[in-house]
Amino acid sequence: MAIDAQRFAEAFERLESLDDRLTHKLRPRPAAGLMRGSAEQHEEQLRDLAAYTLELKDIVKELFLAIAGKKPQ
């Protein structure tokens, strides 16, 4: 089994990009449990979390495929 180095590097770059773009929005803030946001704020937080989760799922899949050495379909 050979690692697809190019695919692995591209997936890792996507992971770093995701971290730069969205992780700061998802980190818990001090005393966040005590704060109550508006419905719009909760909706925005859920959209950010959903986008992060879906993109992270795709990146992890790419990493696994790169490690397995499978070519993109």
C-alpha atoms as a PDB file:
ATOM      1  CA  MET A   1       0.000   0.000   0.000  1.00  0.00           C
ATOM      2  CA  ALA A   2       1.479   3.347  -1.065  1.00  0.00           C
ATOM      3  CA  ILE A   3       0.394   6.757   0.122  1.00  0.00           C
ATOM      4  CA  ASP A   4      -0.778   9.154  -2.554  1.00  0.00           C
ATOM      5  CA  ALA A   5       1.478  11.996  -1.397  1.00  0.00           C
ATOM      6  CA  GLN A   6      -0.062  14.665  -3.633  1.00  0.00           C
ATOM      7  CA  ARG A   7      -3.607  13.861  -2.551  1.00  0.00           C
ATOM      8  CA  PHE A   8      -2.509  13.752   1.079  1.00  0.00           C
ATOM      9  CA  ALA A   9      -0.828  17.179   0.793  1.00  0.00           C
ATOM     10  CA  GLU A  10      -3.895  18.692  -0.868  1.00  0.00           C
ATOM     11  CA  ALA A  11      -6.202  17.309   1.831  1.00  0.00           C
ATOM     12  CA  PHE A  12      -3.900  18.644   4.531  1.00  0.00           C
ATOM     13  CA  GLU A  13      -3.934  22.086   2.891  1.00  0.00           C
ATOM     14  CA  ARG A  14      -7.742  21.984   2.871  1.00  0.00           C
ATOM     15  CA  LEU A  15      -7.685  21.070   6.563  1.00  0.00           C
ATOM     16  CA  GLU A  16      -5.454  24.040   7.371  1.00  0.00           C
ATOM     17  CA  SER A  17      -7.702  26.319   5.318  1.00  0.00           C
ATOM     18  CA  LEU A  18     -10.779  25.062   7.172  1.00  0.00           C
ATOM     19  CA  ASP A  19      -9.044  25.714  10.474  1.00  0.00           C
ATOM     20  CA  ASP A  20      -8.125  29.254   9.426  1.00  0.00           C
ATOM     21  CA  ARG A  21     -11.629  30.063   8.165  1.00  0.00           C
ATOM     22  CA  LEU A  22     -13.977  28.515  10.701  1.00  0.00           C
ATOM     23  CA  THR A  23     -12.370  27.166  13.862  1.00  0.00           C
ATOM     24  CA  HIS A  24     -12.361  30.560  15.579  1.00  0.00           C
ATOM     25  CA  LYS A  25     -16.140  30.708  15.129  1.00  0.00           C
ATOM     26  CA  LEU A  26     -16.626  27.351  16.847  1.00  0.00           C
ATOM     27  CA  ARG A  27     -14.351  27.706  19.855  1.00  0.00           C
ATOM     28  CA  PRO A  28     -16.246  28.070  23.110  1.00  0.00           C
ATOM     29  CA  ARG A  29     -15.937  31.498  24.650  1.00  0.00           C
ATOM     30  CA  PRO A  30     -15.436  32.006  28.372  1.00  0.00           C
ATOM     31  CA  ALA A  31     -18.792  31.919  30.152  1.00  0.00           C
ATOM     32  CA  ALA A  32     -20.497  31.021  26.859  1.00  0.00           C
ATOM     33  CA  GLY A  33     -22.784  28.654  28.713  1.00  0.00           C
ATOM     34  CA  LEU A  34     -24.155  31.556  30.694  1.00  0.00           C
ATOM     35  CA  MET A  35     -24.891  33.733  27.675  1.00  0.00           C
ATOM     36  CA  ARG A  36     -28.126  33.542  25.799  1.00  0.00           C
ATOM     37  CA  GLY A  37     -28.086  34.602  22.198  1.00  0.00           C
ATOM     38  CA  SER A  38     -30.866  35.526  19.886  1.00  0.00           C
ATOM     39  CA  ALA A  39     -32.493  33.011  17.606  1.00  0.00           C
ATOM     40  CA  GLU A  40     -30.545  34.525  14.701  1.00  0.00           C
ATOM     41  CA  GLN A  41     -27.238  34.062  16.543  1.00  0.00           C
ATOM     42  CA  HIS A  42     -28.065  30.436  17.271  1.00  0.00           C
ATOM     43  CA  GLU A  43     -29.050  29.879  13.650  1.00  0.00           C
ATOM     44  CA  GLU A  44     -25.759  31.364  12.440  1.00  0.00           C
ATOM     45  CA  GLN A  45     -23.789  29.209  14.890  1.00  0.00           C
ATOM     46  CA  LEU A  46     -25.604  26.101  13.676  1.00  0.00           C
ATOM     47  CA  ARG A  47     -24.876  26.998  10.031  1.00  0.00           C
ATOM     48  CA  ASP A  48     -21.185  27.498  10.848  1.00  0.00           C
ATOM     49  CA  LEU A  49     -21.053  24.185  12.705  1.00  0.00           C
ATOM     50  CA  ALA A  50     -22.836  22.343   9.893  1.00  0.00           C
ATOM     51  CA  ALA A  51     -20.510  23.798   7.246  1.00  0.00           C
ATOM     52  CA  TYR A  52     -17.463  22.933   9.338  1.00  0.00           C
ATOM     53  CA  THR A  53     -18.671  19.383   9.963  1.00  0.00           C
ATOM     54  CA  LEU A  54     -19.476  18.648   6.322  1.00  0.00           C
ATOM     55  CA  GLU A  55     -16.190  20.044   5.046  1.00  0.00           C
ATOM     56  CA  LEU A  56     -14.240  18.215   7.745  1.00  0.00           C
ATOM     57  CA  LYS A  57     -15.958  14.952   6.761  1.00  0.00           C
ATOM     58  CA  ASP A  58     -14.861  15.406   3.144  1.00  0.00           C
ATOM     59  CA  ILE A  59     -11.289  16.214   4.157  1.00  0.00           C
ATOM     60  CA  VAL A  60     -11.024  13.192   6.439  1.00  0.00           C
ATOM     61  CA  LYS A  61     -12.339  10.981   3.628  1.00  0.00           C
ATOM     62  CA  GLU A  62      -9.666  12.400   1.297  1.00  0.00           C
ATOM     63  CA  LEU A  63      -6.982  11.753   3.905  1.00  0.00           C
ATOM     64  CA  PHE A  64      -8.075   8.139   4.304  1.00  0.00           C
ATOM     65  CA  LEU A  65      -8.118   7.625   0.553  1.00  0.00           C
ATOM     66  CA  ALA A  66      -4.677   9.243   0.234  1.00  0.00           C
ATOM     67  CA  ILE A  67      -3.305   6.945   2.911  1.00  0.00           C
ATOM     68  CA  ALA A  68      -4.880   3.939   1.179  1.00  0.00           C
ATOM     69  CA  GLY A  69      -3.273   5.094  -2.065  1.00  0.00           C
ATOM     70  CA  LYS A  70      -6.529   5.069  -4.048  1.00  0.00           C
ATOM     71  CA  LYS A  71      -6.759   7.361  -7.069  1.00  0.00           C
ATOM     72  CA  PRO A  72      -9.567   9.970  -7.196  1.00  0.00           C
ATOM     73  CA  GLN A  73     -12.719   8.908  -9.022  1.00  0.00           C
END
